[in-house]
Amino acid sequence: MCANFTVDDEGKPVVNTNGTEIGVVQDVDAGVAYVEPGPEMADSIKSRLRRDRAVADGMENYQLGEEYVDEVTADEIRLQRF
């Protein structure tokens, strides 16, 4: 899939293949989505996504590469199986 992230994707939940929400898109910059991980984001997923930015409150964001995206809908971003 070729994910073309836009500001419309900000705030969308990111879900794994089981439909469990693992994070939320906090920012889109130049077509790149930055995801704030939720408590359900497994370390195996974190290790594949690039930790990219530190947010002022100390939370980490992860850069979501299009190679990991299965589908972008109006309501969510669904990841492929890792």
PDB file of N, CA and C in Angstrom:
ATOM      1  N   MET A   1       0.845  -1.185   0.000  1.00  0.00           N
ATOM      2  CA  MET A   1       0.000   0.000   0.000  1.00  0.00           C
ATOM      3  C   MET A   1       0.872   1.224   0.000  1.00  0.00           C
ATOM      4  N   CYS A   2       0.430   2.233  -0.660  1.00  0.00           N
ATOM      5  CA  CYS A   2       1.123   3.520  -0.667  1.00  0.00           C
ATOM      6  C   CYS A   2       0.299   4.478   0.183  1.00  0.00           C
ATOM      7  N   ALA A   3       0.722   4.692   1.405  1.00  0.00           N
ATOM      8  CA  ALA A   3      -0.002   5.578   2.308  1.00  0.00           C
ATOM      9  C   ALA A   3       0.452   7.004   2.068  1.00  0.00           C
ATOM     10  N   ASN A   4      -0.479   7.859   1.747  1.00  0.00           N
ATOM     11  CA  ASN A   4      -0.199   9.280   1.579  1.00  0.00           C
ATOM     12  C   ASN A   4      -0.853  10.003   2.735  1.00  0.00           C
ATOM     13  N   PHE A   5      -0.105  10.196   3.815  1.00  0.00           N
ATOM     14  CA  PHE A   5      -0.657  10.808   5.009  1.00  0.00           C
ATOM     15  C   PHE A   5      -0.844  12.307   4.804  1.00  0.00           C
ATOM     16  N   THR A   6      -1.965  12.810   5.328  1.00  0.00           N
ATOM     17  CA  THR A   6      -2.261  14.239   5.283  1.00  0.00           C
ATOM     18  C   THR A   6      -2.687  14.687   6.675  1.00  0.00           C
ATOM     19  N   VAL A   7      -2.886  15.979   6.840  1.00  0.00           N
ATOM     20  CA  VAL A   7      -3.333  16.489   8.137  1.00  0.00           C
ATOM     21  C   VAL A   7      -4.691  15.911   8.525  1.00  0.00           C
ATOM     22  N   ASP A   8      -5.455  15.438   7.553  1.00  0.00           N
ATOM     23  CA  ASP A   8      -6.737  14.797   7.860  1.00  0.00           C
ATOM     24  C   ASP A   8      -6.556  13.509   8.662  1.00  0.00           C
ATOM     25  N   ASP A   9      -5.349  12.932   8.633  1.00  0.00           N
ATOM     26  CA  ASP A   9      -5.079  11.702   9.378  1.00  0.00           C
ATOM     27  C   ASP A   9      -4.709  11.967  10.831  1.00  0.00           C
ATOM     28  N   GLU A  10      -4.444  13.227  11.188  1.00  0.00           N
ATOM     29  CA  GLU A  10      -4.116  13.544  12.577  1.00  0.00           C
ATOM     30  C   GLU A  10      -5.303  13.211  13.472  1.00  0.00           C
ATOM     31  N   GLY A  11      -5.018  12.538  14.567  1.00  0.00           N
ATOM     32  CA  GLY A  11      -6.050  12.133  15.509  1.00  0.00           C
ATOM     33  C   GLY A  11      -6.642  10.757  15.242  1.00  0.00           C
ATOM     34  N   LYS A  12      -6.300  10.163  14.114  1.00  0.00           N
ATOM     35  CA  LYS A  12      -6.819   8.827  13.811  1.00  0.00           C
ATOM     36  C   LYS A  12      -6.121   7.772  14.658  1.00  0.00           C
ATOM     37  N   PRO A  13      -6.876   6.790  15.119  1.00  0.00           N
ATOM     38  CA  PRO A  13      -6.235   5.680  15.821  1.00  0.00           C
ATOM     39  C   PRO A  13      -5.468   4.802  14.840  1.00  0.00           C
ATOM     40  N   VAL A  14      -4.397   4.221  15.339  1.00  0.00           N
ATOM     41  CA  VAL A  14      -3.615   3.236  14.588  1.00  0.00           C
ATOM     42  C   VAL A  14      -3.926   1.897  15.234  1.00  0.00           C
ATOM     43  N   VAL A  15      -4.351   0.933  14.412  1.00  0.00           N
ATOM     44  CA  VAL A  15      -4.743  -0.365  14.948  1.00  0.00           C
ATOM     45  C   VAL A  15      -3.880  -1.471  14.348  1.00  0.00           C
ATOM     46  N   ASN A  16      -3.690  -2.533  15.132  1.00  0.00           N
ATOM     47  CA  ASN A  16      -2.937  -3.678  14.640  1.00  0.00           C
ATOM     48  C   ASN A  16      -3.860  -4.595  13.840  1.00  0.00           C
ATOM     49  N   THR A  17      -3.366  -5.721  13.417  1.00  0.00           N
ATOM     50  CA  THR A  17      -4.146  -6.633  12.577  1.00  0.00           C
ATOM     51  C   THR A  17      -5.340  -7.233  13.311  1.00  0.00           C
ATOM     52  N   ASN A  18      -5.323  -7.204  14.641  1.00  0.00           N
ATOM     53  CA  ASN A  18      -6.449  -7.704  15.437  1.00  0.00           C
ATOM     54  C   ASN A  18      -7.506  -6.642  15.680  1.00  0.00           C
ATOM     55  N   GLY A  19      -7.240  -5.406  15.221  1.00  0.00           N
ATOM     56  CA  GLY A  19      -8.173  -4.309  15.439  1.00  0.00           C
ATOM     57  C   GLY A  19      -8.000  -3.595  16.759  1.00  0.00           C
ATOM     58  N   THR A  20      -6.927  -3.929  17.490  1.00  0.00           N
ATOM     59  CA  THR A  20      -6.647  -3.284  18.768  1.00  0.00           C
ATOM     60  C   THR A  20      -5.926  -1.964  18.528  1.00  0.00           C
ATOM     61  N   GLU A  21      -6.426  -0.899  19.141  1.00  0.00           N
ATOM     62  CA  GLU A  21      -5.783   0.407  19.004  1.00  0.00           C
ATOM     63  C   GLU A  21      -4.451   0.393  19.739  1.00  0.00           C
ATOM     64  N   ILE A  22      -3.389   0.745  19.011  1.00  0.00           N
ATOM     65  CA  ILE A  22      -2.054   0.728  19.612  1.00  0.00           C
ATOM     66  C   ILE A  22      -1.427   2.117  19.679  1.00  0.00           C
ATOM     67  N   GLY A  23      -2.094   3.110  19.124  1.00  0.00           N
ATOM     68  CA  GLY A  23      -1.577   4.463  19.159  1.00  0.00           C
ATOM     69  C   GLY A  23      -2.488   5.402  18.397  1.00  0.00           C
ATOM     70  N   VAL A  24      -2.081   6.679  18.355  1.00  0.00           N
ATOM     71  CA  VAL A  24      -2.851   7.721  17.688  1.00  0.00           C
ATOM     72  C   VAL A  24      -1.887   8.595  16.897  1.00  0.00           C
ATOM     73  N   VAL A  25      -2.289   8.960  15.689  1.00  0.00           N
ATOM     74  CA  VAL A  25      -1.478   9.871  14.885  1.00  0.00           C
ATOM     75  C   VAL A  25      -1.558  11.257  15.519  1.00  0.00           C
ATOM     76  N   GLN A  26      -0.427  11.752  15.984  1.00  0.00           N
ATOM     77  CA  GLN A  26      -0.383  13.056  16.631  1.00  0.00           C
ATOM     78  C   GLN A  26      -0.055  14.183  15.655  1.00  0.00           C
ATOM     79  N   ASP A  27       0.706  13.844  14.605  1.00  0.00           N
ATOM     80  CA  ASP A  27       1.168  14.889  13.695  1.00  0.00           C
ATOM     81  C   ASP A  27       1.451  14.264  12.339  1.00  0.00           C
ATOM     82  N   VAL A  28       1.232  15.029  11.300  1.00  0.00           N
ATOM     83  CA  VAL A  28       1.645  14.654   9.951  1.00  0.00           C
ATOM     84  C   VAL A  28       2.471  15.813   9.418  1.00  0.00           C
ATOM     85  N   ASP A  29       3.673  15.492   8.985  1.00  0.00           N
ATOM     86  CA  ASP A  29       4.586  16.513   8.477  1.00  0.00           C
ATOM     87  C   ASP A  29       5.210  16.004   7.192  1.00  0.00           C
ATOM     88  N   ALA A  30       4.995  16.720   6.104  1.00  0.00           N
ATOM     89  CA  ALA A  30       5.549  16.364   4.795  1.00  0.00           C
ATOM     90  C   ALA A  30       5.193  14.930   4.397  1.00  0.00           C
ATOM     91  N   GLY A  31       3.957  14.524   4.690  1.00  0.00           N
ATOM     92  CA  GLY A  31       3.488  13.207   4.306  1.00  0.00           C
ATOM     93  C   GLY A  31       3.893  12.077   5.225  1.00  0.00           C
ATOM     94  N   VAL A  32       4.564  12.394   6.327  1.00  0.00           N
ATOM     95  CA  VAL A  32       4.997  11.386   7.300  1.00  0.00           C
ATOM     96  C   VAL A  32       4.117  11.494   8.543  1.00  0.00           C
ATOM     97  N   ALA A  33       3.587  10.347   8.982  1.00  0.00           N
ATOM     98  CA  ALA A  33       2.743  10.310  10.178  1.00  0.00           C
ATOM     99  C   ALA A  33       3.600   9.982  11.399  1.00  0.00           C
ATOM    100  N   TYR A  34       3.349  10.695  12.495  1.00  0.00           N
ATOM    101  CA  TYR A  34       4.043  10.461  13.762  1.00  0.00           C
ATOM    102  C   TYR A  34       3.003   9.989  14.774  1.00  0.00           C
ATOM    103  N   VAL A  35       3.249   8.802  15.333  1.00  0.00           N
ATOM    104  CA  VAL A  35       2.279   8.122  16.184  1.00  0.00           C
ATOM    105  C   VAL A  35       2.722   8.171  17.637  1.00  0.00           C
ATOM    106  N   GLU A  36       1.789   8.592  18.499  1.00  0.00           N
ATOM    107  CA  GLU A  36       2.016   8.486  19.941  1.00  0.00           C
ATOM    108  C   GLU A  36       1.558   7.100  20.349  1.00  0.00           C
ATOM    109  N   PRO A  37       2.459   6.289  20.909  1.00  0.00           N
ATOM    110  CA  PRO A  37       2.085   4.918  21.254  1.00  0.00           C
ATOM    111  C   PRO A  37       1.136   4.869  22.438  1.00  0.00           C
ATOM    112  N   GLY A  38       0.234   3.912  22.377  1.00  0.00           N
ATOM    113  CA  GLY A  38      -0.642   3.635  23.497  1.00  0.00           C
ATOM    114  C   GLY A  38      -0.089   2.465  24.285  1.00  0.00           C
ATOM    115  N   PRO A  39      -0.714   2.133  25.400  1.00  0.00           N
ATOM    116  CA  PRO A  39      -0.219   1.035  26.229  1.00  0.00           C
ATOM    117  C   PRO A  39      -0.261  -0.320  25.528  1.00  0.00           C
ATOM    118  N   GLU A  40      -1.063  -0.449  24.476  1.00  0.00           N
ATOM    119  CA  GLU A  40      -1.176  -1.718  23.759  1.00  0.00           C
ATOM    120  C   GLU A  40      -0.113  -1.894  22.671  1.00  0.00           C
ATOM    121  N   MET A  41       0.730  -0.864  22.445  1.00  0.00           N
ATOM    122  CA  MET A  41       1.752  -1.000  21.404  1.00  0.00           C
ATOM    123  C   MET A  41       2.864  -1.912  21.904  1.00  0.00           C
ATOM    124  N   ALA A  42       2.995  -3.044  21.260  1.00  0.00           N
ATOM    125  CA  ALA A  42       3.988  -4.041  21.653  1.00  0.00           C
ATOM    126  C   ALA A  42       5.398  -3.554  21.342  1.00  0.00           C
ATOM    127  N   ASP A  43       6.353  -4.037  22.119  1.00  0.00           N
ATOM    128  CA  ASP A  43       7.756  -3.695  21.878  1.00  0.00           C
ATOM    129  C   ASP A  43       8.206  -4.132  20.487  1.00  0.00           C
ATOM    130  N   SER A  44       7.620  -5.227  19.982  1.00  0.00           N
ATOM    131  CA  SER A  44       8.000  -5.695  18.648  1.00  0.00           C
ATOM    132  C   SER A  44       7.604  -4.686  17.573  1.00  0.00           C
ATOM    133  N   ILE A  45       6.508  -3.990  17.781  1.00  0.00           N
ATOM    134  CA  ILE A  45       6.112  -2.946  16.834  1.00  0.00           C
ATOM    135  C   ILE A  45       6.996  -1.723  17.015  1.00  0.00           C
ATOM    136  N   LYS A  46       7.232  -1.334  18.253  1.00  0.00           N
ATOM    137  CA  LYS A  46       8.096  -0.177  18.515  1.00  0.00           C
ATOM    138  C   LYS A  46       9.474  -0.363  17.900  1.00  0.00           C
ATOM    139  N   SER A  47       9.983  -1.580  17.937  1.00  0.00           N
ATOM    140  CA  SER A  47      11.324  -1.831  17.414  1.00  0.00           C
ATOM    141  C   SER A  47      11.384  -1.680  15.894  1.00  0.00           C
ATOM    142  N   ARG A  48      10.262  -1.829  15.229  1.00  0.00           N
ATOM    143  CA  ARG A  48      10.238  -1.678  13.766  1.00  0.00           C
ATOM    144  C   ARG A  48      10.003  -0.237  13.331  1.00  0.00           C
ATOM    145  N   LEU A  49       9.273   0.517  14.143  1.00  0.00           N
ATOM    146  CA  LEU A  49       9.018   1.911  13.816  1.00  0.00           C
ATOM    147  C   LEU A  49      10.162   2.760  14.341  1.00  0.00           C
ATOM    148  N   ARG A  50      10.468   3.801  13.622  1.00  0.00           N
ATOM    149  CA  ARG A  50      11.587   4.647  14.022  1.00  0.00           C
ATOM    150  C   ARG A  50      11.135   5.668  15.062  1.00  0.00           C
ATOM    151  N   ARG A  51      11.764   5.625  16.229  1.00  0.00           N
ATOM    152  CA  ARG A  51      11.479   6.642  17.241  1.00  0.00           C
ATOM    153  C   ARG A  51      12.079   7.930  16.730  1.00  0.00           C
ATOM    154  N   ASP A  52      11.254   8.936  16.610  1.00  0.00           N
ATOM    155  CA  ASP A  52      11.703  10.100  15.874  1.00  0.00           C
ATOM    156  C   ASP A  52      11.688  11.400  16.640  1.00  0.00           C
ATOM    157  N   ARG A  53      10.673  11.614  17.418  1.00  0.00           N
ATOM    158  CA  ARG A  53      10.547  12.919  18.056  1.00  0.00           C
ATOM    159  C   ARG A  53      10.194  12.769  19.529  1.00  0.00           C
ATOM    160  N   ALA A  54      10.694  13.666  20.323  1.00  0.00           N
ATOM    161  CA  ALA A  54      10.276  13.746  21.716  1.00  0.00           C
ATOM    162  C   ALA A  54       9.284  14.895  21.819  1.00  0.00           C
ATOM    163  N   VAL A  55       8.181  14.655  22.456  1.00  0.00           N
ATOM    164  CA  VAL A  55       7.175  15.686  22.653  1.00  0.00           C
ATOM    165  C   VAL A  55       7.477  16.370  23.974  1.00  0.00           C
ATOM    166  N   ALA A  56       7.051  17.595  24.125  1.00  0.00           N
ATOM    167  CA  ALA A  56       7.379  18.404  25.299  1.00  0.00           C
ATOM    168  C   ALA A  56       7.077  17.711  26.623  1.00  0.00           C
ATOM    169  N   ASP A  57       6.001  16.925  26.691  1.00  0.00           N
ATOM    170  CA  ASP A  57       5.652  16.283  27.962  1.00  0.00           C
ATOM    171  C   ASP A  57       6.409  14.982  28.194  1.00  0.00           C
ATOM    172  N   GLY A  58       7.386  14.676  27.341  1.00  0.00           N
ATOM    173  CA  GLY A  58       8.209  13.499  27.523  1.00  0.00           C
ATOM    174  C   GLY A  58       7.726  12.265  26.787  1.00  0.00           C
ATOM    175  N   MET A  59       6.584  12.336  26.149  1.00  0.00           N
ATOM    176  CA  MET A  59       6.093  11.194  25.392  1.00  0.00           C
ATOM    177  C   MET A  59       6.926  11.033  24.124  1.00  0.00           C
ATOM    178  N   GLU A  60       7.031   9.799  23.673  1.00  0.00           N
ATOM    179  CA  GLU A  60       7.757   9.513  22.436  1.00  0.00           C
ATOM    180  C   GLU A  60       6.773   9.361  21.297  1.00  0.00           C
ATOM    181  N   ASN A  61       7.187   9.776  20.125  1.00  0.00           N
ATOM    182  CA  ASN A  61       6.418   9.532  18.916  1.00  0.00           C
ATOM    183  C   ASN A  61       7.244   8.662  18.000  1.00  0.00           C
ATOM    184  N   TYR A  62       6.558   7.861  17.208  1.00  0.00           N
ATOM    185  CA  TYR A  62       7.211   6.954  16.286  1.00  0.00           C
ATOM    186  C   TYR A  62       6.785   7.286  14.864  1.00  0.00           C
ATOM    187  N   GLN A  63       7.752   7.283  13.971  1.00  0.00           N
ATOM    188  CA  GLN A  63       7.482   7.552  12.570  1.00  0.00           C
ATOM    189  C   GLN A  63       6.870   6.319  11.936  1.00  0.00           C
ATOM    190  N   LEU A  64       5.707   6.482  11.324  1.00  0.00           N
ATOM    191  CA  LEU A  64       5.004   5.370  10.705  1.00  0.00           C
ATOM    192  C   LEU A  64       5.327   5.329   9.220  1.00  0.00           C
ATOM    193  N   GLY A  65       6.096   4.328   8.822  1.00  0.00           N
ATOM    194  CA  GLY A  65       6.452   4.162   7.416  1.00  0.00           C
ATOM    195  C   GLY A  65       5.323   3.513   6.641  1.00  0.00           C
ATOM    196  N   GLU A  66       5.130   3.944   5.420  1.00  0.00           N
ATOM    197  CA  GLU A  66       4.032   3.415   4.610  1.00  0.00           C
ATOM    198  C   GLU A  66       4.153   1.920   4.356  1.00  0.00           C
ATOM    199  N   GLU A  67       5.364   1.377   4.476  1.00  0.00           N
ATOM    200  CA  GLU A  67       5.552  -0.059   4.248  1.00  0.00           C
ATOM    201  C   GLU A  67       4.866  -0.915   5.321  1.00  0.00           C
ATOM    202  N   TYR A  68       4.482  -0.296   6.428  1.00  0.00           N
ATOM    203  CA  TYR A  68       3.828  -1.027   7.504  1.00  0.00           C
ATOM    204  C   TYR A  68       2.305  -0.869   7.496  1.00  0.00           C
ATOM    205  N   VAL A  69       1.788  -0.078   6.570  1.00  0.00           N
ATOM    206  CA  VAL A  69       0.363   0.234   6.548  1.00  0.00           C
ATOM    207  C   VAL A  69      -0.370  -0.670   5.568  1.00  0.00           C
ATOM    208  N   ASP A  70      -1.444  -1.280   6.053  1.00  0.00           N
ATOM    209  CA  ASP A  70      -2.291  -2.101   5.201  1.00  0.00           C
ATOM    210  C   ASP A  70      -3.387  -1.250   4.567  1.00  0.00           C
ATOM    211  N   GLU A  71      -4.001  -0.375   5.379  1.00  0.00           N
ATOM    212  CA  GLU A  71      -5.133   0.395   4.882  1.00  0.00           C
ATOM    213  C   GLU A  71      -5.312   1.673   5.694  1.00  0.00           C
ATOM    214  N   VAL A  72      -5.661   2.752   5.003  1.00  0.00           N
ATOM    215  CA  VAL A  72      -6.036   4.004   5.651  1.00  0.00           C
ATOM    216  C   VAL A  72      -7.493   4.251   5.302  1.00  0.00           C
ATOM    217  N   THR A  73      -8.336   4.338   6.334  1.00  0.00           N
ATOM    218  CA  THR A  73      -9.755   4.610   6.115  1.00  0.00           C
ATOM    219  C   THR A  73     -10.083   5.982   6.690  1.00  0.00           C
ATOM    220  N   ALA A  74     -11.330   6.342   6.607  1.00  0.00           N
ATOM    221  CA  ALA A  74     -11.765   7.618   7.175  1.00  0.00           C
ATOM    222  C   ALA A  74     -11.670   7.613   8.695  1.00  0.00           C
ATOM    223  N   ASP A  75     -11.651   6.408   9.294  1.00  0.00           N
ATOM    224  CA  ASP A  75     -11.702   6.300  10.750  1.00  0.00           C
ATOM    225  C   ASP A  75     -10.438   5.798  11.421  1.00  0.00           C
ATOM    226  N   GLU A  76      -9.550   5.121  10.674  1.00  0.00           N
ATOM    227  CA  GLU A  76      -8.384   4.514  11.312  1.00  0.00           C
ATOM    228  C   GLU A  76      -7.286   4.204  10.297  1.00  0.00           C
ATOM    229  N   ILE A  77      -6.131   3.884  10.852  1.00  0.00           N
ATOM    230  CA  ILE A  77      -4.996   3.405  10.051  1.00  0.00           C
ATOM    231  C   ILE A  77      -4.686   2.007  10.549  1.00  0.00           C
ATOM    232  N   ARG A  78      -4.798   1.050   9.648  1.00  0.00           N
ATOM    233  CA  ARG A  78      -4.609  -0.369  10.008  1.00  0.00           C
ATOM    234  C   ARG A  78      -3.225  -0.819   9.533  1.00  0.00           C
ATOM    235  N   LEU A  79      -2.464  -1.409  10.463  1.00  0.00           N
ATOM    236  CA  LEU A  79      -1.134  -1.895  10.146  1.00  0.00           C
ATOM    237  C   LEU A  79      -1.174  -3.284   9.502  1.00  0.00           C
ATOM    238  N   GLN A  80      -0.155  -3.584   8.737  1.00  0.00           N
ATOM    239  CA  GLN A  80       0.043  -4.937   8.204  1.00  0.00           C
ATOM    240  C   GLN A  80       0.596  -5.813   9.312  1.00  0.00           C
ATOM    241  N   ARG A  81       0.551  -7.105   9.095  1.00  0.00           N
ATOM    242  CA  ARG A  81       1.174  -8.031  10.044  1.00  0.00           C
ATOM    243  C   ARG A  81       2.689  -7.870   9.935  1.00  0.00           C
ATOM    244  N   PHE A  82       3.346  -7.746  11.069  1.00  0.00           N
ATOM    245  CA  PHE A  82       4.800  -7.574  11.089  1.00  0.00           C
ATOM    246  C   PHE A  82       5.455  -8.923  11.043  1.00  0.00           C
TER     247      PHE A  82
END
